[in-house]
N, C-alpha and C. Protein backbone atom coordinates (compact mmCIF):
# COMPACT_ATOMS: atom_id res chain seq x y z
N MET A 1 -7.58 -25.12 7.58
CA MET A 1 -6.08 -24.79 7.49
C MET A 1 -5.34 -25.63 8.81
N THR A 2 -4.11 -26.11 8.82
CA THR A 2 -3.82 -26.82 9.90
C THR A 2 -2.71 -26.22 10.08
N PRO A 3 -2.46 -25.82 11.61
CA PRO A 3 -1.25 -24.90 12.15
C PRO A 3 -0.06 -25.76 11.97
N ARG A 4 1.26 -25.05 11.68
CA ARG A 4 2.31 -25.86 11.91
C ARG A 4 2.87 -26.43 13.10
N ARG A 5 3.58 -27.39 13.20
CA ARG A 5 3.94 -27.60 14.18
C ARG A 5 5.31 -28.01 14.33
N ARG A 6 5.83 -28.16 15.48
CA ARG A 6 7.72 -28.39 15.62
C ARG A 6 7.34 -29.90 16.32
N LYS A 7 8.21 -30.65 15.83
CA LYS A 7 8.46 -32.05 16.38
C LYS A 7 9.20 -31.95 17.53
N GLY A 8 8.68 -32.92 18.44
CA GLY A 8 9.18 -32.87 20.00
C GLY A 8 9.39 -31.84 20.76
N SER A 9 8.52 -30.48 20.61
CA SER A 9 8.77 -29.58 21.33
C SER A 9 8.18 -30.19 22.87
N ALA A 10 8.45 -29.34 23.70
CA ALA A 10 8.09 -29.57 25.06
C ALA A 10 6.67 -28.99 25.34
N VAL A 11 6.32 -27.88 24.20
CA VAL A 11 5.07 -27.44 24.66
C VAL A 11 3.91 -28.21 23.99
N GLU A 12 4.61 -28.59 22.78
CA GLU A 12 3.50 -29.66 21.81
C GLU A 12 3.07 -30.99 23.03
N SER A 13 4.03 -30.91 23.46
CA SER A 13 3.43 -32.67 24.14
C SER A 13 2.67 -32.08 25.13
N LYS A 14 2.88 -30.84 25.77
CA LYS A 14 1.97 -30.60 26.95
C LYS A 14 0.40 -30.38 26.26
N ILE A 15 0.60 -29.70 25.36
CA ILE A 15 -0.73 -29.43 24.51
C ILE A 15 -1.40 -30.66 24.38
N GLU A 16 -0.69 -31.59 23.74
CA GLU A 16 -1.32 -32.60 23.50
C GLU A 16 -1.87 -33.55 24.58
N LYS A 17 -1.35 -33.43 25.71
CA LYS A 17 -1.82 -34.07 26.87
C LYS A 17 -2.89 -33.34 27.29
N ALA A 18 -3.23 -32.12 27.31
CA ALA A 18 -3.79 -31.25 28.31
C ALA A 18 -5.68 -31.17 27.82
N SER A 19 -6.38 -31.34 28.82
CA SER A 19 -7.51 -31.08 29.01
C SER A 19 -8.55 -30.68 27.91
N ALA A 20 -9.53 -30.76 27.91
CA ALA A 20 -10.41 -29.51 26.87
C ALA A 20 -10.88 -28.29 27.97
N ASP A 21 -10.50 -28.49 28.95
CA ASP A 21 -10.79 -27.30 30.04
C ASP A 21 -9.67 -26.50 30.25
N VAL A 22 -8.51 -27.20 30.23
CA VAL A 22 -7.10 -26.42 30.14
C VAL A 22 -7.04 -25.68 28.72
N LEU A 23 -6.99 -26.18 27.85
CA LEU A 23 -6.97 -25.75 26.43
C LEU A 23 -7.75 -24.53 26.65
N ALA A 24 -8.95 -24.70 26.87
CA ALA A 24 -10.04 -23.38 26.84
C ALA A 24 -9.40 -22.20 27.76
N ARG A 25 -9.07 -22.93 28.94
CA ARG A 25 -8.50 -21.32 29.58
C ARG A 25 -7.17 -20.90 29.30
N LEU A 26 -6.23 -21.77 28.62
CA LEU A 26 -5.32 -21.23 27.70
C LEU A 26 -5.35 -20.31 26.49
N VAL A 27 -6.53 -20.42 25.81
CA VAL A 27 -6.84 -19.69 24.59
C VAL A 27 -7.55 -18.28 25.31
N PHE A 28 -8.15 -18.59 26.22
CA PHE A 28 -8.83 -17.25 26.87
C PHE A 28 -7.95 -16.13 27.43
N ASP A 29 -6.73 -17.20 28.18
CA ASP A 29 -5.59 -16.30 28.71
C ASP A 29 -4.79 -15.35 27.85
N LEU A 30 -4.68 -16.34 26.65
CA LEU A 30 -3.71 -15.62 25.41
C LEU A 30 -4.56 -14.28 25.12
N CYS A 31 -6.11 -14.61 24.49
CA CYS A 31 -6.92 -13.44 24.13
C CYS A 31 -6.89 -12.42 24.99
N SER A 32 -6.63 -12.75 26.53
CA SER A 32 -6.49 -11.56 27.20
C SER A 32 -5.18 -11.12 27.39
N LEU A 33 -4.51 -11.54 27.01
CA LEU A 33 -3.08 -10.97 27.02
C LEU A 33 -2.70 -9.56 25.97
N GLY A 34 -3.58 -9.50 24.91
CA GLY A 34 -3.19 -8.46 24.06
C GLY A 34 -4.13 -8.59 22.73
N ASP A 35 -4.66 -7.44 22.16
CA ASP A 35 -5.59 -7.67 21.16
C ASP A 35 -5.15 -8.53 19.42
N GLU A 36 -3.92 -8.53 19.27
CA GLU A 36 -3.58 -9.17 18.22
C GLU A 36 -3.71 -10.72 18.21
N ASN A 37 -3.50 -11.50 19.99
CA ASN A 37 -3.61 -12.75 20.36
C ASN A 37 -5.50 -12.89 19.91
N LYS A 38 -5.92 -12.08 20.39
CA LYS A 38 -7.40 -11.92 20.31
C LYS A 38 -7.77 -11.91 18.86
N ALA A 39 -7.29 -10.94 18.19
CA ALA A 39 -7.32 -11.10 16.69
C ALA A 39 -7.36 -12.70 15.77
N PHE A 40 -6.01 -12.98 16.56
CA PHE A 40 -5.86 -14.40 15.82
C PHE A 40 -6.54 -15.30 15.67
N VAL A 41 -7.14 -15.64 17.29
CA VAL A 41 -8.19 -16.40 17.62
C VAL A 41 -9.74 -16.30 17.18
N GLU A 42 -9.97 -15.32 16.88
CA GLU A 42 -10.99 -14.84 16.35
C GLU A 42 -11.17 -15.42 14.81
N ALA A 43 -9.76 -15.27 14.16
CA ALA A 43 -10.00 -15.25 12.77
C ALA A 43 -9.56 -16.57 12.18
N ARG A 44 -8.84 -17.32 13.41
CA ARG A 44 -8.73 -18.88 13.31
C ARG A 44 -9.94 -19.56 13.83
N LEU A 45 -10.68 -19.55 14.87
CA LEU A 45 -11.93 -19.69 14.88
C LEU A 45 -13.25 -19.39 14.15
N GLU A 46 -12.81 -18.10 13.27
CA GLU A 46 -14.10 -17.47 12.35
C GLU A 46 -15.14 -17.39 13.20
N ALA A 47 -14.73 -16.59 14.67
CA ALA A 47 -15.44 -16.27 15.97
C ALA A 47 -15.95 -14.73 15.71
N THR A 48 -16.13 -14.13 14.41
CA THR A 48 -16.50 -12.89 14.72
C THR A 48 -16.93 -12.34 13.28
N SER A 49 -18.17 -11.70 12.88
CA SER A 49 -19.08 -11.50 11.40
C SER A 49 -17.86 -10.66 10.52
N GLU A 50 -16.84 -10.06 11.15
CA GLU A 50 -16.05 -9.18 10.72
C GLU A 50 -14.58 -9.64 11.01
N PRO A 51 -14.22 -10.59 10.27
CA PRO A 51 -12.85 -10.98 11.09
C PRO A 51 -11.49 -10.15 10.34
N LEU A 52 -11.79 -9.52 9.47
CA LEU A 52 -10.99 -8.71 8.78
C LEU A 52 -10.52 -7.15 9.55
N LYS A 53 -11.76 -6.86 10.14
CA LYS A 53 -11.95 -5.44 11.11
C LYS A 53 -10.66 -5.36 11.95
N SER A 54 -10.16 -6.12 12.57
CA SER A 54 -9.29 -5.78 13.43
C SER A 54 -7.97 -5.28 12.79
N TYR A 55 -7.63 -6.65 11.89
CA TYR A 55 -6.39 -6.52 10.80
C TYR A 55 -6.61 -5.06 10.00
N LYS A 56 -7.51 -4.88 9.61
CA LYS A 56 -7.57 -3.64 8.81
C LYS A 56 -7.50 -2.27 9.75
N ASN A 57 -7.75 -2.43 10.91
CA ASN A 57 -7.61 -1.38 11.71
C ASN A 57 -5.90 -1.22 11.88
N ARG A 58 -5.32 -2.11 12.31
CA ARG A 58 -3.85 -2.40 12.39
C ARG A 58 -3.23 -1.77 10.96
N ILE A 59 -3.64 -2.00 10.17
CA ILE A 59 -2.78 -1.71 8.70
C ILE A 59 -3.33 0.17 8.69
N ASP A 60 -4.40 0.36 8.94
CA ASP A 60 -4.83 2.08 9.09
C ASP A 60 -3.90 2.46 10.02
N GLU A 61 -3.75 1.93 11.15
CA GLU A 61 -3.01 2.66 12.31
C GLU A 61 -1.56 2.76 11.85
N ALA A 62 -1.16 1.83 11.11
CA ALA A 62 0.53 1.32 10.73
C ALA A 62 0.92 2.31 9.53
N LEU A 63 -0.31 2.59 8.37
CA LEU A 63 0.31 3.10 7.17
C LEU A 63 -0.24 4.45 6.95
N TYR A 64 -1.67 4.83 7.77
CA TYR A 64 -2.28 6.16 8.05
C TYR A 64 -2.77 6.75 9.38
N PRO A 65 -1.71 6.56 10.03
CA PRO A 65 -1.47 7.15 11.18
C PRO A 65 -2.09 8.81 11.39
N ASP A 66 -2.49 9.07 12.62
CA ASP A 66 -3.32 10.42 12.91
C ASP A 66 -1.85 11.20 13.09
N VAL A 67 -1.79 12.17 12.03
CA VAL A 67 -0.99 13.14 11.81
C VAL A 67 -1.11 14.13 13.10
N MET A 68 -1.87 14.23 13.79
CA MET A 68 -2.30 15.38 14.94
C MET A 68 -1.52 14.16 16.06
N SER A 69 -1.35 13.09 16.32
CA SER A 69 -0.63 12.54 17.47
C SER A 69 0.57 12.07 17.16
N ARG A 70 1.00 12.50 16.11
CA ARG A 70 2.38 12.43 15.77
C ARG A 70 3.23 10.88 15.64
N GLN A 71 2.08 10.21 15.26
CA GLN A 71 2.28 8.22 15.44
C GLN A 71 3.45 8.51 14.07
N PRO A 72 4.46 7.65 13.72
CA PRO A 72 4.90 7.44 13.05
C PRO A 72 4.77 6.35 11.66
N ILE A 73 4.61 6.21 10.62
CA ILE A 73 4.27 5.17 9.67
C ILE A 73 5.17 4.21 9.74
N ARG A 74 4.35 3.12 10.12
CA ARG A 74 5.15 1.33 11.19
C ARG A 74 4.97 0.39 9.47
N ILE A 75 6.05 0.49 8.58
CA ILE A 75 5.45 -0.66 7.47
C ILE A 75 5.55 -1.86 7.72
N GLY A 76 6.39 -2.09 8.70
CA GLY A 76 6.14 -3.59 9.28
C GLY A 76 5.40 -3.77 10.11
N ALA A 77 4.70 -3.25 10.88
CA ALA A 77 3.42 -3.46 11.77
C ALA A 77 2.15 -3.97 10.46
N ALA A 78 2.41 -2.83 9.55
CA ALA A 78 1.21 -3.01 8.49
C ALA A 78 1.38 -4.52 7.68
N ARG A 79 2.64 -5.06 7.39
CA ARG A 79 2.69 -6.08 6.81
C ARG A 79 2.36 -7.32 7.69
N ARG A 80 2.74 -6.84 8.81
CA ARG A 80 2.82 -8.08 9.79
C ARG A 80 1.18 -8.33 10.06
N ALA A 81 0.60 -7.48 10.18
CA ALA A 81 -0.97 -7.58 10.28
C ALA A 81 -1.70 -8.59 8.82
N VAL A 82 -1.35 -8.43 7.53
CA VAL A 82 -1.46 -9.34 6.10
C VAL A 82 -0.79 -10.80 6.67
N THR A 83 0.44 -10.78 7.19
CA THR A 83 0.99 -12.14 7.56
C THR A 83 0.30 -12.71 8.77
N GLU A 84 -0.17 -12.08 9.58
CA GLU A 84 -0.77 -12.86 10.73
C GLU A 84 -1.93 -13.10 10.53
N TYR A 85 -2.83 -12.68 9.72
CA TYR A 85 -4.36 -13.27 9.27
C TYR A 85 -4.24 -14.12 8.51
N LYS A 86 -3.11 -14.18 7.37
CA LYS A 86 -2.63 -15.42 6.52
C LYS A 86 -2.23 -16.61 7.59
N LYS A 87 -1.56 -16.43 8.39
CA LYS A 87 -1.39 -17.70 9.09
C LYS A 87 -2.60 -17.68 10.06
N ALA A 88 -3.44 -16.93 10.49
CA ALA A 88 -4.67 -17.57 11.32
C ALA A 88 -6.02 -17.97 10.84
N ALA A 89 -5.72 -17.66 9.48
CA ALA A 89 -7.30 -17.70 9.07
C ALA A 89 -6.94 -18.81 7.80
N GLY A 90 -5.80 -18.46 7.04
CA GLY A 90 -5.26 -19.46 5.70
C GLY A 90 -6.76 -18.68 4.85
N ASP A 91 -7.42 -17.78 5.04
CA ASP A 91 -8.36 -17.39 3.91
C ASP A 91 -7.87 -16.66 2.94
N LEU A 92 -7.92 -17.13 1.79
CA LEU A 92 -7.29 -16.69 0.52
C LEU A 92 -8.18 -15.16 0.14
N PRO A 93 -9.42 -15.23 -0.07
CA PRO A 93 -10.10 -14.13 -0.27
C PRO A 93 -9.86 -12.59 0.92
N GLY A 94 -9.74 -13.20 2.19
CA GLY A 94 -9.58 -12.38 3.04
C GLY A 94 -7.87 -11.81 2.94
N VAL A 95 -6.94 -12.64 2.73
CA VAL A 95 -5.74 -12.23 2.80
C VAL A 95 -5.62 -11.05 1.52
N LEU A 96 -5.90 -11.45 0.47
CA LEU A 96 -5.98 -10.80 -0.70
C LEU A 96 -6.84 -9.34 -0.97
N GLU A 97 -7.98 -9.22 0.09
CA GLU A 97 -8.73 -7.78 0.58
C GLU A 97 -7.75 -7.03 1.50
N LEU A 98 -6.95 -7.92 2.17
CA LEU A 98 -5.87 -7.07 3.34
C LEU A 98 -4.61 -6.48 2.19
N MET A 99 -4.33 -7.41 1.59
CA MET A 99 -3.08 -6.80 0.62
C MET A 99 -3.57 -5.71 -0.14
N MET A 100 -5.02 -5.49 -0.90
CA MET A 100 -5.55 -4.40 -1.50
C MET A 100 -5.66 -3.44 -0.62
N TYR A 101 -6.03 -3.44 0.49
CA TYR A 101 -6.20 -2.55 1.61
C TYR A 101 -5.39 -1.66 1.86
N TYR A 102 -4.03 -2.66 2.05
CA TYR A 102 -2.44 -1.97 2.57
C TYR A 102 -2.14 -1.02 1.34
N VAL A 103 -2.36 -1.62 0.12
CA VAL A 103 -1.76 -0.51 -1.11
C VAL A 103 -2.43 0.74 -1.19
N GLU A 104 -4.13 0.58 -1.05
CA GLU A 104 -5.14 1.50 -0.80
C GLU A 104 -4.71 2.65 0.40
N ARG A 105 -4.60 1.66 1.65
CA ARG A 105 -4.14 2.76 2.78
C ARG A 105 -2.83 3.86 2.46
N GLY A 106 -1.81 3.05 2.02
CA GLY A 106 -0.38 3.74 2.20
C GLY A 106 -0.98 4.81 0.83
N THR A 107 -1.17 3.68 -0.24
CA THR A 107 -1.26 5.45 -1.19
C THR A 107 -2.38 6.47 -1.06
N ALA A 108 -3.05 6.12 -0.20
CA ALA A 108 -4.12 7.42 0.32
C ALA A 108 -3.05 8.52 1.13
N CYS A 109 -2.24 7.96 2.05
CA CYS A 109 -1.60 8.36 2.64
C CYS A 109 -0.73 9.17 2.06
N THR A 110 0.28 8.83 1.33
CA THR A 110 0.82 9.86 0.61
C THR A 110 0.28 10.65 -0.52
N ALA A 111 -0.78 10.43 -1.07
CA ALA A 111 -1.33 11.33 -1.74
C ALA A 111 -2.35 12.48 -0.80
N ASP A 112 -2.60 12.44 0.23
CA ASP A 112 -3.14 13.00 0.99
C ASP A 112 -1.96 14.08 1.57
N TYR A 113 -0.77 13.33 2.34
CA TYR A 113 0.30 14.41 3.03
C TYR A 113 1.50 14.36 2.24
N GLY A 114 1.53 14.21 0.84
CA GLY A 114 2.80 14.16 0.36
C GLY A 114 3.99 13.21 0.22
N ASP A 115 5.23 13.64 -0.07
CA ASP A 115 6.25 12.31 -0.46
C ASP A 115 6.42 12.04 0.82
N ILE A 116 6.73 10.81 0.80
CA ILE A 116 7.44 9.86 2.04
C ILE A 116 8.89 9.43 1.73
N ASP A 117 8.97 8.45 1.64
CA ASP A 117 10.63 7.88 1.49
C ASP A 117 10.60 6.51 0.28
N GLU A 118 11.90 6.05 -0.32
CA GLU A 118 11.76 4.63 -1.07
C GLU A 118 11.34 3.88 -0.01
N ALA A 119 11.57 3.59 1.22
CA ALA A 119 11.51 2.10 1.75
C ALA A 119 9.92 2.09 1.60
N PHE A 120 9.20 3.42 1.82
CA PHE A 120 7.59 3.22 1.69
C PHE A 120 7.03 2.82 0.46
N TYR A 121 7.55 3.34 -0.52
CA TYR A 121 7.04 3.11 -1.81
C TYR A 121 7.26 1.41 -2.11
N SER A 122 8.44 0.90 -1.87
CA SER A 122 8.93 -0.48 -2.24
C SER A 122 8.20 -0.96 -1.23
N SER A 123 7.45 -0.85 -0.47
CA SER A 123 6.94 -1.72 0.37
C SER A 123 5.36 -1.82 -0.14
N LEU A 124 4.88 -0.66 -0.71
CA LEU A 124 3.88 -0.70 -1.31
C LEU A 124 3.87 -1.52 -2.11
N GLU A 125 4.92 -1.15 -3.58
CA GLU A 125 4.68 -1.40 -4.63
C GLU A 125 4.98 -3.21 -4.44
N SER A 126 5.60 -3.67 -3.58
CA SER A 126 5.64 -5.07 -3.46
C SER A 126 4.40 -5.64 -3.06
N MET A 127 3.70 -4.93 -1.94
CA MET A 127 2.60 -5.57 -1.91
C MET A 127 1.59 -5.92 -3.05
N TYR A 128 1.82 -4.60 -3.79
CA TYR A 128 0.62 -4.74 -5.23
C TYR A 128 1.17 -6.06 -6.07
N ASP A 129 2.69 -6.06 -6.24
CA ASP A 129 3.04 -6.70 -7.14
C ASP A 129 2.53 -8.30 -6.68
N ARG A 130 2.53 -8.87 -5.23
CA ARG A 130 2.50 -10.11 -4.98
C ARG A 130 0.87 -10.28 -5.06
N LEU A 131 0.11 -8.98 -4.56
CA LEU A 131 -1.67 -9.13 -5.11
C LEU A 131 -1.84 -9.36 -6.35
N LEU A 132 -1.34 -9.03 -7.50
CA LEU A 132 -1.51 -9.16 -8.76
C LEU A 132 -1.04 -10.70 -9.02
N LYS A 133 0.25 -10.77 -8.75
CA LYS A 133 0.41 -12.08 -8.91
C LYS A 133 -0.12 -13.25 -8.55
N ILE A 134 -0.87 -13.31 -7.47
CA ILE A 134 -1.85 -14.40 -6.94
C ILE A 134 -3.22 -14.47 -7.82
N LEU A 135 -3.39 -12.95 -7.97
CA LEU A 135 -4.40 -12.91 -8.85
C LEU A 135 -4.09 -13.57 -10.03
N ASP A 136 -3.46 -13.04 -10.80
CA ASP A 136 -3.04 -13.71 -12.16
C ASP A 136 -3.23 -15.30 -12.30
N THR A 137 -2.68 -15.73 -10.86
CA THR A 137 -2.32 -17.30 -10.96
C THR A 137 -4.11 -17.94 -10.65
N GLY A 138 -4.85 -17.17 -10.36
CA GLY A 138 -6.23 -17.70 -9.37
C GLY A 138 -7.25 -17.46 -10.74
N ASP A 139 -8.63 -17.65 -10.11
CA ASP A 139 -9.28 -17.84 -11.27
C ASP A 139 -9.76 -16.39 -11.58
N GLY A 140 -10.45 -16.43 -12.62
CA GLY A 140 -10.45 -15.24 -13.41
C GLY A 140 -11.50 -14.13 -12.93
N LYS A 141 -12.72 -14.91 -12.11
CA LYS A 141 -13.59 -14.01 -11.57
C LYS A 141 -13.11 -13.47 -10.22
N THR A 142 -12.21 -14.29 -9.64
CA THR A 142 -11.38 -13.06 -8.36
C THR A 142 -10.68 -11.95 -8.77
N LYS A 143 -9.92 -12.26 -9.79
CA LYS A 143 -9.08 -11.39 -10.35
C LYS A 143 -9.75 -10.18 -10.94
N GLU A 144 -11.10 -10.50 -11.57
CA GLU A 144 -11.97 -9.42 -11.95
C GLU A 144 -12.85 -8.32 -10.90
N SER A 145 -12.77 -9.28 -9.93
CA SER A 145 -13.27 -8.78 -8.67
C SER A 145 -12.45 -7.50 -8.02
N PHE A 146 -11.24 -7.65 -8.60
CA PHE A 146 -10.21 -6.58 -7.70
C PHE A 146 -10.00 -5.64 -8.74
N ARG A 147 -10.20 -5.65 -10.00
CA ARG A 147 -9.75 -4.62 -10.94
C ARG A 147 -9.98 -3.27 -10.99
N SER A 148 -11.40 -2.86 -10.69
CA SER A 148 -11.76 -1.43 -9.94
C SER A 148 -10.79 -0.87 -9.12
N ARG A 149 -10.70 -1.76 -8.11
CA ARG A 149 -9.90 -1.22 -6.87
C ARG A 149 -8.36 -1.17 -7.12
N ALA A 150 -7.66 -2.39 -7.92
CA ALA A 150 -6.49 -1.78 -8.40
C ALA A 150 -5.97 -0.98 -9.58
N ALA A 151 -7.33 -0.50 -10.43
CA ALA A 151 -7.07 0.73 -11.15
C ALA A 151 -7.29 2.10 -10.47
N ALA A 152 -8.20 2.15 -9.50
CA ALA A 152 -8.37 2.94 -8.51
C ALA A 152 -6.97 3.69 -7.81
N VAL A 153 -6.21 2.46 -7.35
CA VAL A 153 -4.89 3.04 -7.15
C VAL A 153 -4.21 3.38 -7.76
N VAL A 154 -4.26 2.92 -9.05
CA VAL A 154 -3.06 3.74 -9.77
C VAL A 154 -3.12 5.06 -10.32
N ASP A 155 -4.91 5.18 -10.23
CA ASP A 155 -5.41 6.83 -10.69
C ASP A 155 -4.74 7.46 -9.28
N ARG A 156 -4.95 7.03 -8.45
CA ARG A 156 -4.71 8.06 -7.00
C ARG A 156 -3.24 7.86 -6.86
N ALA A 157 -2.40 7.11 -7.68
CA ALA A 157 -0.98 7.63 -7.43
C ALA A 157 -0.43 8.56 -8.54
N LYS A 158 -1.23 8.81 -9.40
CA LYS A 158 -0.80 9.76 -10.60
C LYS A 158 -0.22 11.05 -9.62
N GLY A 159 1.17 11.31 -9.89
CA GLY A 159 1.89 12.59 -9.40
C GLY A 159 2.87 12.56 -8.08
N ILE A 160 2.66 11.06 -7.74
CA ILE A 160 3.32 10.80 -6.70
C ILE A 160 5.01 10.15 -7.17
N GLY A 161 5.53 11.07 -6.63
CA GLY A 161 7.18 10.31 -6.98
C GLY A 161 7.94 9.18 -7.15
N TRP A 162 8.84 8.93 -6.58
CA TRP A 162 9.65 7.71 -6.63
C TRP A 162 9.70 6.59 -7.51
N GLY A 163 8.92 6.99 -9.08
CA GLY A 163 8.63 5.96 -9.81
C GLY A 163 7.61 5.47 -9.39
N TYR A 164 6.67 5.73 -8.52
CA TYR A 164 5.55 4.87 -7.84
C TYR A 164 4.48 4.72 -8.92
N TYR A 165 3.96 5.85 -9.28
CA TYR A 165 2.46 5.82 -10.16
C TYR A 165 3.12 4.88 -11.36
N ASP A 166 4.67 5.04 -11.70
CA ASP A 166 5.05 4.40 -13.12
C ASP A 166 4.99 3.04 -12.96
N TYR A 167 5.56 2.58 -11.99
CA TYR A 167 5.65 0.95 -11.24
C TYR A 167 3.95 0.39 -11.43
N LEU A 168 3.67 1.52 -10.55
CA LEU A 168 1.62 0.29 -10.66
C LEU A 168 0.93 0.50 -11.83
N ALA A 169 1.13 1.80 -12.18
CA ALA A 169 0.72 1.78 -14.11
C ALA A 169 1.03 0.66 -14.84
N ASP A 170 2.53 0.06 -14.72
CA ASP A 170 2.75 -0.71 -15.53
C ASP A 170 2.43 -2.33 -15.24
N ARG A 171 2.74 -2.67 -13.92
CA ARG A 171 2.17 -3.80 -13.04
C ARG A 171 0.51 -3.86 -13.67
N PHE A 172 -0.26 -2.67 -13.48
CA PHE A 172 -1.85 -2.87 -13.76
C PHE A 172 -1.64 -3.47 -15.34
N ALA A 173 -1.14 -2.69 -16.33
CA ALA A 173 -1.26 -2.98 -17.39
C ALA A 173 -0.62 -4.49 -17.73
N GLU A 174 0.40 -4.72 -17.05
CA GLU A 174 0.83 -6.34 -17.39
C GLU A 174 -0.25 -7.13 -16.98
N SER A 175 -0.77 -7.25 -16.17
CA SER A 175 -1.94 -8.18 -15.07
C SER A 175 -3.19 -7.99 -16.01
N TYR A 176 -3.91 -6.75 -16.05
CA TYR A 176 -4.95 -6.33 -17.11
C TYR A 176 -5.47 -6.01 -18.24
N GLY A 177 -3.97 -6.10 -18.79
CA GLY A 177 -3.88 -5.53 -20.19
C GLY A 177 -4.41 -4.53 -20.59
C-alpha cells in the first residue's frame, strides 16, 4: 500500500532529501511518542506477529471499558482504531477482523451491562453494515469465514432495545440468506 502524499509540502520535501539514518531516527522517535504511533509503524512494516493486538486492545478499552474504573464508552476512539489500522496496513482481512471485533465487543458490552443509547447502537449498526457490504462484494470464501461470528452477534443481540436486534437480524438475512 502506498501512503497518500501531499504535493509540494515542506515536510515531504525534507523527507525525500533525508538520509536513511535520519529517517530511521525519525521513525524511532515517532514510535517513542505514543502507543498509537508505534502500532501504526508496526502495522505498516508488519513488524509484529500480532499486528491486530494493539488495535483490538484499543477497541476493547473504548467499547467495553472496565466498569469499576468508571471509564466512559468512546465510540470515536474505537472507530479510529479500525480506520488507523486500515491506513497503516491496508490489509483487508485485518480490517474485516477489526470491524467484526468492534461489533462483537460493543454487543457484548450492552448485553452484559444493559441499555446504552441510540448513538452507540447506530455506530454498531453502521459498522456491521459496512462489514457485510464489503463481504458481499468480496470472495465467497472470506464471506463464509465470517458467517458464524456474524450470526453469533445477532444471537447475542436478542432482547437489546433501540431496534438493534431487528437491524442486525435483517442485515444478516439480507447478506447470508
